[in-house]
Protein backbone atom coordinates (compact mmCIF):
# COMPACT_ATOMS: atom_id res chain seq x y z
CA MET A 1 183.30 141.17 94.87
CA ILE A 2 183.20 138.95 97.95
CA ARG A 3 181.12 141.57 99.75
CA PHE A 4 178.68 141.60 96.86
CA ALA A 5 178.44 137.79 96.91
CA LEU A 6 177.84 137.84 100.68
CA MET A 7 175.15 140.52 100.31
CA VAL A 8 173.41 138.47 97.61
CA LEU A 9 173.65 135.37 99.79
CA LEU A 10 172.25 137.30 102.76
CA ALA A 11 169.41 138.69 100.63
CA LEU A 12 168.55 135.21 99.37
CA SER A 13 168.60 133.88 102.94
CA VAL A 14 166.22 136.61 104.07
CA VAL A 15 163.88 135.84 101.16
CA ASN A 16 164.11 132.13 101.92
CA VAL A 17 163.25 132.71 105.61
CA ALA A 18 160.34 134.97 104.68
CA THR A 19 159.03 132.38 102.21
CA ALA A 20 159.33 129.61 104.80
CA GLN A 21 157.46 131.70 107.37
CA ASP A 22 154.70 132.41 104.85
CA GLN A 23 154.42 128.71 104.01
CA ASN A 24 154.26 127.83 107.71
CA ALA A 25 151.58 130.46 108.26
CA GLN A 26 149.53 129.05 105.38
CA LYS A 27 150.00 125.53 106.70
CA GLY A 28 148.93 126.67 110.16
CA GLN A 29 145.85 128.34 108.71
CA GLN A 30 144.93 125.17 106.81
CA THR A 31 145.39 123.14 109.98
CA ALA A 32 143.18 125.56 111.90
CA GLU A 33 140.51 125.37 109.21
CA GLU A 34 140.68 121.57 109.21
CA ALA A 35 140.34 121.53 112.99
CA LYS A 36 137.37 123.89 112.79
CA ASP A 37 135.70 121.69 110.15
CA LYS A 38 136.36 118.58 112.22
CA ALA A 39 134.89 120.22 115.32
CA ALA A 40 131.80 121.32 113.38
CA LYS A 41 131.32 117.79 112.05
CA ALA A 42 131.68 116.31 115.54
CA GLN A 43 129.17 118.85 116.90
CA ALA A 44 126.68 117.94 114.16
CA GLU A 45 127.11 114.23 114.95
CA ARG A 46 126.53 114.89 118.66
CA GLU A 47 123.39 116.89 117.91
CA ALA A 48 122.06 114.15 115.62
CA LEU A 49 122.75 111.52 118.27
CA ARG A 50 121.11 113.69 120.93
CA ALA A 51 117.99 114.09 118.74
CA GLN A 52 117.87 110.34 118.10
CA MET A 53 118.20 109.56 121.81
CA LYS A 54 115.47 112.08 122.64
CA ALA A 55 113.12 110.46 120.10
CA GLU A 56 113.86 107.00 121.53
CA LYS A 57 113.27 108.26 125.07
CA GLU A 58 109.93 109.79 124.07
CA ALA A 59 108.89 106.56 122.33
CA LEU A 60 109.76 104.52 125.43
CA GLN A 61 107.88 106.96 127.66
CA LYS A 62 104.83 106.73 125.39
CA GLU A 63 105.00 102.93 125.50
CA ARG A 64 105.25 102.96 129.31
CA ASN A 65 102.28 105.31 129.57
CA GLU A 66 100.22 103.06 127.28
CA GLN A 67 101.11 99.99 129.35
CA SER A 68 100.25 101.86 132.53
CA ASP A 69 96.91 102.93 131.09
CA LYS A 70 96.14 99.33 130.07
CA LEU A 71 96.95 98.07 133.57
CA LYS A 72 94.81 100.79 135.13
CA ALA A 73 91.93 99.92 132.82
CA LYS A 74 92.30 96.22 133.63
CA LYS A 75 92.36 96.96 137.38
CA LYS A 76 89.33 99.23 137.08
CA LYS A 77 87.46 96.53 135.15
CA LYS A 78 88.31 94.01 137.88
CA ASP A 79 87.14 96.43 140.56
CA ASP A 80 83.92 97.15 138.67
CA ASN A 81 83.17 93.42 138.40
CA GLY A 82 83.75 92.94 142.11
CA ASP A 83 86.53 90.47 141.48
CA ASN A 84 89.07 90.87 144.23
CA GLY A 85 91.21 88.00 143.05
CA ASP A 86 89.83 85.59 145.65
CA ASN A 87 88.42 82.64 143.68
CA ARG A 88 87.48 80.10 146.40
């Protein structure tokens, strides 16, 4: 009778350990999936920020080019008028 009780106890312990391992495996899988989702979200945010920065850089470059063209046109106009900046 005692042997039977010990065998039942041992069997329940084995089942309990197996269940705990399965729960830990599921928890680990959920954690891995959460980490993967978090990494994907962070990557998407980085790509969006990179695209925004690229657009801002292009806008600044366009503005600089326009200012440069205006200054060149102004200088050319001065040169065409013979004005060398000496107004004595």
